[in-house]
PDB file of N, CA and C in Angstrom:
ATOM      1  N   UNK A   1      -7.918   4.338 -49.545  1.00  0.00           N
ATOM      2  CA  UNK A   1      -8.345   4.148 -48.409  1.00  0.00           C
ATOM      3  C   UNK A   1      -7.552   2.875 -47.779  1.00  0.00           C
ATOM      4  N   UNK A   2      -7.174   3.055 -46.573  1.00  0.00           N
ATOM      5  CA  UNK A   2      -6.726   1.834 -46.004  1.00  0.00           C
ATOM      6  C   UNK A   2      -7.708   0.976 -45.541  1.00  0.00           C
ATOM      7  N   UNK A   3      -7.319  -0.162 -45.398  1.00  0.00           N
ATOM      8  CA  UNK A   3      -8.250  -1.269 -45.001  1.00  0.00           C
ATOM      9  C   UNK A   3      -8.757  -1.203 -43.473  1.00  0.00           C
ATOM     10  N   UNK A   4      -9.900  -1.523 -43.352  1.00  0.00           N
ATOM     11  CA  UNK A   4     -10.399  -1.194 -41.664  1.00  0.00           C
ATOM     12  C   UNK A   4     -10.283  -2.569 -41.015  1.00  0.00           C
ATOM     13  N   UNK A   5      -9.822  -2.694 -39.878  1.00  0.00           N
ATOM     14  CA  UNK A   5      -9.488  -3.776 -38.940  1.00  0.00           C
ATOM     15  C   UNK A   5     -10.938  -3.811 -37.945  1.00  0.00           C
ATOM     16  N   UNK A   6     -11.329  -5.062 -37.879  1.00  0.00           N
ATOM     17  CA  UNK A   6     -12.306  -5.206 -36.892  1.00  0.00           C
ATOM     18  C   UNK A   6     -11.882  -6.023 -35.772  1.00  0.00           C
ATOM     19  N   UNK A   7     -12.023  -5.247 -34.617  1.00  0.00           N
ATOM     20  CA  UNK A   7     -11.879  -6.023 -33.300  1.00  0.00           C
ATOM     21  C   UNK A   7     -13.183  -6.117 -32.507  1.00  0.00           C
ATOM     22  N   UNK A   8     -13.087  -7.230 -31.786  1.00  0.00           N
ATOM     23  CA  UNK A   8     -14.166  -7.430 -30.824  1.00  0.00           C
ATOM     24  C   UNK A   8     -14.384  -6.643 -29.756  1.00  0.00           C
ATOM     25  N   UNK A   9     -15.339  -6.178 -29.404  1.00  0.00           N
ATOM     26  CA  UNK A   9     -15.843  -5.008 -28.487  1.00  0.00           C
ATOM     27  C   UNK A   9     -15.742  -5.850 -26.912  1.00  0.00           C
ATOM     28  N   UNK A  10     -15.066  -5.277 -26.007  1.00  0.00           N
ATOM     29  CA  UNK A  10     -14.467  -5.963 -24.664  1.00  0.00           C
ATOM     30  C   UNK A  10     -15.548  -5.225 -23.885  1.00  0.00           C
ATOM     31  N   UNK A  11     -16.076  -5.959 -23.232  1.00  0.00           N
ATOM     32  CA  UNK A  11     -17.138  -5.401 -21.698  1.00  0.00           C
ATOM     33  C   UNK A  11     -16.529  -5.543 -20.572  1.00  0.00           C
ATOM     34  N   UNK A  12     -17.070  -4.967 -19.495  1.00  0.00           N
ATOM     35  CA  UNK A  12     -16.646  -4.936 -18.117  1.00  0.00           C
ATOM     36  C   UNK A  12     -16.909  -6.463 -17.687  1.00  0.00           C
ATOM     37  N   UNK A  13     -17.846  -6.787 -18.144  1.00  0.00           N
ATOM     38  CA  UNK A  13     -18.530  -8.518 -17.571  1.00  0.00           C
ATOM     39  C   UNK A  13     -18.417  -9.198 -19.156  1.00  0.00           C
ATOM     40  N   UNK A  14     -17.943 -10.321 -19.155  1.00  0.00           N
ATOM     41  CA  UNK A  14     -18.107 -11.316 -20.226  1.00  0.00           C
ATOM     42  C   UNK A  14     -19.075 -12.527 -19.629  1.00  0.00           C
ATOM     43  N   UNK A  15     -19.865 -12.982 -20.724  1.00  0.00           N
ATOM     44  CA  UNK A  15     -20.523 -14.052 -20.539  1.00  0.00           C
ATOM     45  C   UNK A  15     -20.028 -15.146 -19.890  1.00  0.00           C
ATOM     46  N   UNK A  16     -20.526 -15.715 -18.807  1.00  0.00           N
ATOM     47  CA  UNK A  16     -20.058 -16.753 -17.821  1.00  0.00           C
ATOM     48  C   UNK A  16     -19.216 -16.066 -16.852  1.00  0.00           C
ATOM     49  N   UNK A  17     -18.599 -14.968 -16.779  1.00  0.00           N
ATOM     50  CA  UNK A  17     -17.622 -14.538 -15.714  1.00  0.00           C
ATOM     51  C   UNK A  17     -18.493 -14.593 -14.276  1.00  0.00           C
ATOM     52  N   UNK A  18     -17.880 -14.952 -13.429  1.00  0.00           N
ATOM     53  CA  UNK A  18     -18.517 -15.011 -12.054  1.00  0.00           C
ATOM     54  C   UNK A  18     -18.629 -13.426 -11.452  1.00  0.00           C
ATOM     55  N   UNK A  19     -19.645 -13.101 -10.688  1.00  0.00           N
ATOM     56  CA  UNK A  19     -19.642 -11.877 -10.190  1.00  0.00           C
ATOM     57  C   UNK A  19     -18.435 -11.803  -9.361  1.00  0.00           C
ATOM     58  N   UNK A  20     -18.092 -10.598  -9.102  1.00  0.00           N
ATOM     59  CA  UNK A  20     -17.139 -10.133  -7.785  1.00  0.00           C
ATOM     60  C   UNK A  20     -17.752 -10.666  -6.413  1.00  0.00           C
ATOM     61  N   UNK A  21     -16.952 -11.409  -5.560  1.00  0.00           N
ATOM     62  CA  UNK A  21     -17.572 -11.689  -4.145  1.00  0.00           C
ATOM     63  C   UNK A  21     -17.460 -10.416  -3.399  1.00  0.00           C
ATOM     64  N   UNK A  22     -18.162 -10.616  -2.227  1.00  0.00           N
ATOM     65  CA  UNK A  22     -18.002  -9.326  -1.191  1.00  0.00           C
ATOM     66  C   UNK A  22     -16.783  -9.570  -0.798  1.00  0.00           C
ATOM     67  N   UNK A  23     -15.869  -8.985  -0.426  1.00  0.00           N
ATOM     68  CA  UNK A  23     -14.535  -9.140   0.319  1.00  0.00           C
ATOM     69  C   UNK A  23     -14.599  -9.247   1.768  1.00  0.00           C
ATOM     70  N   UNK A  24     -15.851  -8.481   2.453  1.00  0.00           N
ATOM     71  CA  UNK A  24     -15.960  -8.509   3.957  1.00  0.00           C
ATOM     72  C   UNK A  24     -16.571  -9.928   4.548  1.00  0.00           C
ATOM     73  N   UNK A  25     -16.733 -10.817   3.880  1.00  0.00           N
ATOM     74  CA  UNK A  25     -16.969 -12.246   4.010  1.00  0.00           C
ATOM     75  C   UNK A  25     -15.745 -12.917   3.927  1.00  0.00           C
ATOM     76  N   UNK A  26     -14.705 -12.445   3.423  1.00  0.00           N
ATOM     77  CA  UNK A  26     -13.255 -13.381   3.155  1.00  0.00           C
ATOM     78  C   UNK A  26     -12.731 -13.246   4.640  1.00  0.00           C
ATOM     79  N   UNK A  27     -11.935 -14.288   5.242  1.00  0.00           N
ATOM     80  CA  UNK A  27     -11.263 -14.291   6.215  1.00  0.00           C
ATOM     81  C   UNK A  27     -10.193 -13.519   6.216  1.00  0.00           C
ATOM     82  N   UNK A  28      -9.576 -12.836   7.206  1.00  0.00           N
ATOM     83  CA  UNK A  28      -8.133 -12.015   7.024  1.00  0.00           C
ATOM     84  C   UNK A  28      -7.158 -12.617   6.494  1.00  0.00           C
ATOM     85  N   UNK A  29      -6.106 -11.983   5.992  1.00  0.00           N
ATOM     86  CA  UNK A  29      -5.152 -12.758   5.589  1.00  0.00           C
ATOM     87  C   UNK A  29      -4.080 -13.061   6.780  1.00  0.00           C
ATOM     88  N   UNK A  30      -3.133 -14.075   6.588  1.00  0.00           N
ATOM     89  CA  UNK A  30      -2.422 -14.588   7.850  1.00  0.00           C
ATOM     90  C   UNK A  30      -1.452 -13.182   7.923  1.00  0.00           C
ATOM     91  N   UNK A  31      -0.888 -13.431   9.167  1.00  0.00           N
ATOM     92  CA  UNK A  31       0.254 -12.612   9.536  1.00  0.00           C
ATOM     93  C   UNK A  31       1.433 -13.146   8.816  1.00  0.00           C
ATOM     94  N   UNK A  32       2.479 -12.186   8.443  1.00  0.00           N
ATOM     95  CA  UNK A  32       3.626 -12.847   7.889  1.00  0.00           C
ATOM     96  C   UNK A  32       4.763 -11.611   8.385  1.00  0.00           C
ATOM     97  N   UNK A  33       5.960 -12.332   8.441  1.00  0.00           N
ATOM     98  CA  UNK A  33       7.175 -11.641   8.676  1.00  0.00           C
ATOM     99  C   UNK A  33       7.650 -11.113   7.619  1.00  0.00           C
ATOM    100  N   UNK A  34       7.856  -9.601   7.742  1.00  0.00           N
ATOM    101  CA  UNK A  34       8.171  -8.894   6.608  1.00  0.00           C
ATOM    102  C   UNK A  34       9.530  -8.204   6.733  1.00  0.00           C
ATOM    103  N   UNK A  35      10.398  -9.129   7.151  1.00  0.00           N
ATOM    104  CA  UNK A  35      11.808  -8.790   7.393  1.00  0.00           C
ATOM    105  C   UNK A  35      12.566 -10.219   7.244  1.00  0.00           C
ATOM    106  N   UNK A  36      13.762 -10.118   7.348  1.00  0.00           N
ATOM    107  CA  UNK A  36      14.569 -11.648   7.223  1.00  0.00           C
ATOM    108  C   UNK A  36      14.217 -12.366   8.653  1.00  0.00           C
ATOM    109  N   UNK A  37      14.466 -11.472   9.787  1.00  0.00           N
ATOM    110  CA  UNK A  37      14.010 -12.115  11.272  1.00  0.00           C
ATOM    111  C   UNK A  37      13.623 -10.868  12.163  1.00  0.00           C
ATOM    112  N   UNK A  38      13.001 -11.108  12.998  1.00  0.00           N
ATOM    113  CA  UNK A  38      12.695 -10.182  14.168  1.00  0.00           C
ATOM    114  C   UNK A  38      12.719 -10.842  15.587  1.00  0.00           C
ATOM    115  N   UNK A  39      13.098  -9.905  16.510  1.00  0.00           N
ATOM    116  CA  UNK A  39      13.311 -10.379  17.816  1.00  0.00           C
ATOM    117  C   UNK A  39      12.215 -10.673  18.529  1.00  0.00           C
ATOM    118  N   UNK A  40      11.952 -11.940  19.250  1.00  0.00           N
ATOM    119  CA  UNK A  40      10.976 -12.230  20.074  1.00  0.00           C
ATOM    120  C   UNK A  40      11.121 -11.578  21.452  1.00  0.00           C
ATOM    121  N   UNK A  41      10.355 -10.815  22.455  1.00  0.00           N
ATOM    122  CA  UNK A  41      11.043 -10.070  23.542  1.00  0.00           C
ATOM    123  C   UNK A  41       9.739 -10.657  24.558  1.00  0.00           C
ATOM    124  N   UNK A  42      10.492 -10.358  25.766  1.00  0.00           N
ATOM    125  CA  UNK A  42       9.578 -10.587  26.978  1.00  0.00           C
ATOM    126  C   UNK A  42       8.259 -10.004  27.430  1.00  0.00           C
ATOM    127  N   UNK A  43       8.445  -8.464  26.772  1.00  0.00           N
ATOM    128  CA  UNK A  43       7.353  -7.498  27.002  1.00  0.00           C
ATOM    129  C   UNK A  43       7.455  -6.875  25.729  1.00  0.00           C
ATOM    130  N   UNK A  44       5.987  -5.907  25.511  1.00  0.00           N
ATOM    131  CA  UNK A  44       5.850  -5.443  24.230  1.00  0.00           C
ATOM    132  C   UNK A  44       6.546  -3.934  24.132  1.00  0.00           C
ATOM    133  N   UNK A  45       8.144  -4.156  24.177  1.00  0.00           N
ATOM    134  CA  UNK A  45       8.801  -2.854  24.291  1.00  0.00           C
ATOM    135  C   UNK A  45      10.161  -3.470  23.645  1.00  0.00           C
ATOM    136  N   UNK A  46      10.951  -2.359  23.021  1.00  0.00           N
ATOM    137  CA  UNK A  46      12.221  -2.977  22.214  1.00  0.00           C
ATOM    138  C   UNK A  46      13.427  -2.910  23.474  1.00  0.00           C
ATOM    139  N   UNK A  47      12.893  -2.383  24.787  1.00  0.00           N
ATOM    140  CA  UNK A  47      13.993  -2.584  25.882  1.00  0.00           C
ATOM    141  C   UNK A  47      13.816  -3.828  26.723  1.00  0.00           C
ATOM    142  N   UNK A  48      12.732  -4.734  26.331  1.00  0.00           N
ATOM    143  CA  UNK A  48      12.723  -5.751  27.047  1.00  0.00           C
ATOM    144  C   UNK A  48      13.616  -7.023  26.827  1.00  0.00           C
ATOM    145  N   UNK A  49      13.777  -8.165  27.454  1.00  0.00           N
ATOM    146  CA  UNK A  49      14.724  -8.988  27.217  1.00  0.00           C
ATOM    147  C   UNK A  49      14.467  -9.774  25.967  1.00  0.00           C
ATOM    148  N   UNK A  50      15.271 -10.060  25.356  1.00  0.00           N
ATOM    149  CA  UNK A  50      15.129 -10.933  23.917  1.00  0.00           C
ATOM    150  C   UNK A  50      14.988 -12.578  24.490  1.00  0.00           C
ATOM    151  N   UNK A  51      14.028 -13.087  23.807  1.00  0.00           N
ATOM    152  CA  UNK A  51      13.826 -14.472  24.228  1.00  0.00           C
ATOM    153  C   UNK A  51      14.212 -15.353  23.042  1.00  0.00           C
ATOM    154  N   UNK A  52      13.981 -14.878  21.620  1.00  0.00           N
ATOM    155  CA  UNK A  52      14.527 -15.645  20.613  1.00  0.00           C
ATOM    156  C   UNK A  52      14.346 -14.639  19.341  1.00  0.00           C
ATOM    157  N   UNK A  53      14.440 -15.476  18.100  1.00  0.00           N
ATOM    158  CA  UNK A  53      14.107 -14.699  16.790  1.00  0.00           C
ATOM    159  C   UNK A  53      13.355 -15.598  16.008  1.00  0.00           C
ATOM    160  N   UNK A  54      12.484 -14.749  15.443  1.00  0.00           N
ATOM    161  CA  UNK A  54      10.904 -15.189  14.752  1.00  0.00           C
ATOM    162  C   UNK A  54      11.757 -15.208  13.078  1.00  0.00           C
ATOM    163  N   UNK A  55      12.202 -16.130  12.434  1.00  0.00           N
ATOM    164  CA  UNK A  55      12.552 -16.034  10.963  1.00  0.00           C
ATOM    165  C   UNK A  55      11.419 -15.960  10.037  1.00  0.00           C
ATOM    166  N   UNK A  56      11.619 -15.525   8.988  1.00  0.00           N
ATOM    167  CA  UNK A  56      10.650 -15.203   7.835  1.00  0.00           C
ATOM    168  C   UNK A  56      10.050 -16.654   7.517  1.00  0.00           C
ATOM    169  N   UNK A  57      10.875 -17.868   7.619  1.00  0.00           N
ATOM    170  CA  UNK A  57      10.529 -19.029   7.323  1.00  0.00           C
ATOM    171  C   UNK A  57       9.632 -19.923   8.489  1.00  0.00           C
ATOM    172  N   UNK A  58       9.621 -19.290   9.593  1.00  0.00           N
ATOM    173  CA  UNK A  58       8.895 -20.087  10.632  1.00  0.00           C
ATOM    174  C   UNK A  58       7.408 -19.679  10.711  1.00  0.00           C
ATOM    175  N   UNK A  59       6.614 -20.875  11.026  1.00  0.00           N
ATOM    176  CA  UNK A  59       5.316 -20.788  11.194  1.00  0.00           C
ATOM    177  C   UNK A  59       5.143 -20.329  12.698  1.00  0.00           C
ATOM    178  N   UNK A  60       4.109 -19.455  12.719  1.00  0.00           N
ATOM    179  CA  UNK A  60       3.886 -18.724  14.205  1.00  0.00           C
ATOM    180  C   UNK A  60       2.363 -18.664  14.073  1.00  0.00           C
ATOM    181  N   UNK A  61       1.735 -18.325  15.243  1.00  0.00           N
ATOM    182  CA  UNK A  61       0.444 -18.111  15.504  1.00  0.00           C
ATOM    183  C   UNK A  61       0.585 -16.753  16.584  1.00  0.00           C
ATOM    184  N   UNK A  62      -0.867 -15.870  16.273  1.00  0.00           N
ATOM    185  CA  UNK A  62      -0.820 -14.746  17.309  1.00  0.00           C
ATOM    186  C   UNK A  62      -1.931 -14.932  18.082  1.00  0.00           C
ATOM    187  N   UNK A  63      -1.805 -14.781  19.370  1.00  0.00           N
ATOM    188  CA  UNK A  63      -2.586 -14.945  20.403  1.00  0.00           C
ATOM    189  C   UNK A  63      -3.336 -13.599  20.713  1.00  0.00           C
ATOM    190  N   UNK A  64      -2.662 -12.131  20.841  1.00  0.00           N
ATOM    191  CA  UNK A  64      -3.310 -11.124  21.181  1.00  0.00           C
ATOM    192  C   UNK A  64      -2.319 -10.016  20.580  1.00  0.00           C
ATOM    193  N   UNK A  65      -2.951  -8.825  20.613  1.00  0.00           N
ATOM    194  CA  UNK A  65      -2.102  -7.662  20.288  1.00  0.00           C
ATOM    195  C   UNK A  65      -2.460  -6.487  21.434  1.00  0.00           C
ATOM    196  N   UNK A  66      -1.100  -5.774  21.366  1.00  0.00           N
ATOM    197  CA  UNK A  66      -1.044  -4.631  22.222  1.00  0.00           C
ATOM    198  C   UNK A  66      -0.503  -3.403  21.728  1.00  0.00           C
ATOM    199  N   UNK A  67      -1.238  -2.568  21.238  1.00  0.00           N
ATOM    200  CA  UNK A  67      -0.455  -1.385  20.493  1.00  0.00           C
ATOM    201  C   UNK A  67      -0.159  -1.877  19.099  1.00  0.00           C
ATOM    202  N   UNK A  68       1.114  -1.691  18.826  1.00  0.00           N
ATOM    203  CA  UNK A  68       1.688  -2.057  17.520  1.00  0.00           C
ATOM    204  C   UNK A  68       2.475  -3.425  17.653  1.00  0.00           C
ATOM    205  N   UNK A  69       2.489  -4.032  18.769  1.00  0.00           N
ATOM    206  CA  UNK A  69       2.892  -5.521  19.424  1.00  0.00           C
ATOM    207  C   UNK A  69       2.000  -6.468  19.392  1.00  0.00           C
ATOM    208  N   UNK A  70       2.631  -7.805  18.809  1.00  0.00           N
ATOM    209  CA  UNK A  70       1.963  -9.213  18.529  1.00  0.00           C
ATOM    210  C   UNK A  70       2.548  -9.839  19.704  1.00  0.00           C
ATOM    211  N   UNK A  71       1.511 -10.796  20.423  1.00  0.00           N
ATOM    212  CA  UNK A  71       2.375 -11.625  20.995  1.00  0.00           C
ATOM    213  C   UNK A  71       2.079 -13.078  20.479  1.00  0.00           C
ATOM    214  N   UNK A  72       2.742 -13.927  20.269  1.00  0.00           N
ATOM    215  CA  UNK A  72       3.208 -14.981  19.236  1.00  0.00           C
ATOM    216  C   UNK A  72       3.520 -16.332  19.802  1.00  0.00           C
ATOM    217  N   UNK A  73       3.465 -17.294  19.238  1.00  0.00           N
ATOM    218  CA  UNK A  73       4.081 -18.458  19.618  1.00  0.00           C
ATOM    219  C   UNK A  73       4.832 -18.914  18.211  1.00  0.00           C
ATOM    220  N   UNK A  74       6.049 -19.142  18.538  1.00  0.00           N
ATOM    221  CA  UNK A  74       6.829 -19.549  17.204  1.00  0.00           C
ATOM    222  C   UNK A  74       6.631 -21.310  17.045  1.00  0.00           C
ATOM    223  N   UNK A  75       6.134 -21.623  16.194  1.00  0.00           N
ATOM    224  CA  UNK A  75       5.608 -23.133  16.069  1.00  0.00           C
ATOM    225  C   UNK A  75       6.794 -23.966  15.820  1.00  0.00           C
ATOM    226  N   UNK A  76       8.007 -23.224  15.260  1.00  0.00           N
ATOM    227  CA  UNK A  76       9.374 -23.831  14.983  1.00  0.00           C
ATOM    228  C   UNK A  76       9.926 -24.192  16.017  1.00  0.00           C
ATOM    229  N   UNK A  77       9.956 -23.376  17.117  1.00  0.00           N
ATOM    230  CA  UNK A  77      10.971 -23.565  18.319  1.00  0.00           C
ATOM    231  C   UNK A  77      10.045 -23.374  19.641  1.00  0.00           C
ATOM    232  N   UNK A  78       8.897 -23.212  19.561  1.00  0.00           N
ATOM    233  CA  UNK A  78       7.998 -23.285  20.728  1.00  0.00           C
ATOM    234  C   UNK A  78       8.119 -22.121  21.654  1.00  0.00           C
ATOM    235  N   UNK A  79       8.934 -20.991  21.320  1.00  0.00           N
ATOM    236  CA  UNK A  79       9.180 -19.827  21.946  1.00  0.00           C
ATOM    237  C   UNK A  79       7.952 -18.885  21.818  1.00  0.00           C
ATOM    238  N   UNK A  80       7.481 -18.196  22.848  1.00  0.00           N
ATOM    239  CA  UNK A  80       6.429 -17.341  23.038  1.00  0.00           C
ATOM    240  C   UNK A  80       6.954 -16.046  23.740  1.00  0.00           C
ATOM    241  N   UNK A  81       6.557 -14.987  22.884  1.00  0.00           N
ATOM    242  CA  UNK A  81       6.715 -13.567  23.259  1.00  0.00           C
ATOM    243  C   UNK A  81       6.062 -12.686  22.390  1.00  0.00           C
ATOM    244  N   UNK A  82       6.757 -11.267  22.635  1.00  0.00           N
ATOM    245  CA  UNK A  82       6.395 -10.313  21.787  1.00  0.00           C
ATOM    246  C   UNK A  82       7.030  -9.766  20.546  1.00  0.00           C
ATOM    247  N   UNK A  83       6.472  -9.695  19.519  1.00  0.00           N
ATOM    248  CA  UNK A  83       7.222  -9.102  18.282  1.00  0.00           C
ATOM    249  C   UNK A  83       6.787  -7.754  17.772  1.00  0.00           C
ATOM    250  N   UNK A  84       7.416  -6.706  17.233  1.00  0.00           N
ATOM    251  CA  UNK A  84       6.965  -5.897  16.723  1.00  0.00           C
ATOM    252  C   UNK A  84       6.039  -5.994  15.397  1.00  0.00           C
ATOM    253  N   UNK A  85       5.008  -5.098  15.705  1.00  0.00           N
ATOM    254  CA  UNK A  85       4.106  -5.032  14.380  1.00  0.00           C
ATOM    255  C   UNK A  85       4.608  -4.208  13.292  1.00  0.00           C
ATOM    256  N   UNK A  86       5.900  -3.737  13.250  1.00  0.00           N
ATOM    257  CA  UNK A  86       6.195  -2.883  12.326  1.00  0.00           C
ATOM    258  C   UNK A  86       7.058  -3.953  11.249  1.00  0.00           C
ATOM    259  N   UNK A  87       7.208  -5.284  11.680  1.00  0.00           N
ATOM    260  CA  UNK A  87       7.830  -6.364  11.055  1.00  0.00           C
ATOM    261  C   UNK A  87       6.765  -7.616  10.627  1.00  0.00           C
ATOM    262  N   UNK A  88       5.824  -7.368  11.569  1.00  0.00           N
ATOM    263  CA  UNK A  88       5.144  -8.804  11.631  1.00  0.00           C
ATOM    264  C   UNK A  88       3.684  -8.021  11.367  1.00  0.00           C
ATOM    265  N   UNK A  89       2.967  -8.177  10.108  1.00  0.00           N
ATOM    266  CA  UNK A  89       1.762  -7.783   9.799  1.00  0.00           C
ATOM    267  C   UNK A  89       0.936  -8.639   8.742  1.00  0.00           C
ATOM    268  N   UNK A  90      -0.450  -8.284   8.529  1.00  0.00           N
ATOM    269  CA  UNK A  90      -1.102  -8.805   7.579  1.00  0.00           C
ATOM    270  C   UNK A  90      -0.891  -8.254   6.464  1.00  0.00           C
ATOM    271  N   UNK A  91      -0.919  -8.447   5.244  1.00  0.00           N
ATOM    272  CA  UNK A  91      -1.156  -7.633   3.888  1.00  0.00           C
ATOM    273  C   UNK A  91      -2.591  -7.174   3.906  1.00  0.00           C
ATOM    274  N   UNK A  92      -2.772  -6.387   3.152  1.00  0.00           N
ATOM    275  CA  UNK A  92      -4.312  -5.703   2.938  1.00  0.00           C
ATOM    276  C   UNK A  92      -4.893  -6.410   1.518  1.00  0.00           C
ATOM    277  N   UNK A  93      -6.148  -6.874   1.809  1.00  0.00           N
ATOM    278  CA  UNK A  93      -6.926  -7.258   0.649  1.00  0.00           C
ATOM    279  C   UNK A  93      -7.479  -6.411   0.109  1.00  0.00           C
ATOM    280  N   UNK A  94      -7.195  -5.970  -1.436  1.00  0.00           N
ATOM    281  CA  UNK A  94      -8.211  -5.047  -1.904  1.00  0.00           C
ATOM    282  C   UNK A  94      -9.121  -5.665  -2.717  1.00  0.00           C
ATOM    283  N   UNK A  95     -10.610  -5.258  -2.631  1.00  0.00           N
ATOM    284  CA  UNK A  95     -11.356  -5.829  -3.173  1.00  0.00           C
ATOM    285  C   UNK A  95     -12.126  -4.874  -3.969  1.00  0.00           C
ATOM    286  N   UNK A  96     -12.720  -5.154  -5.289  1.00  0.00           N
ATOM    287  CA  UNK A  96     -12.946  -4.299  -6.147  1.00  0.00           C
ATOM    288  C   UNK A  96     -14.494  -4.671  -6.444  1.00  0.00           C
ATOM    289  N   UNK A  97     -15.625  -4.181  -5.712  1.00  0.00           N
ATOM    290  CA  UNK A  97     -16.800  -4.517  -5.839  1.00  0.00           C
ATOM    291  C   UNK A  97     -17.368  -3.679  -7.170  1.00  0.00           C
TER     292      UNK A  97
END
């Protein structure tokens, strides 16, 4: 007979582990540019005038949304305008309660 190997039993919660927090109380994740760059436009339309370019490395703030468009201020250049939500969006936080 081969020797037996004793392994510790693992449980879902270990002593001293903090319970999972409620995700709904956490602030939303920040918006991020999910492309190398995105065009900043005068209106929420791909046919509107280009005002500038929002690069992935730039810091920006979002003032409002209209459909799939975000009105932003590029803090690196000061340019204000609309960017497509196809390329600028928040990642989703997954909570396992």
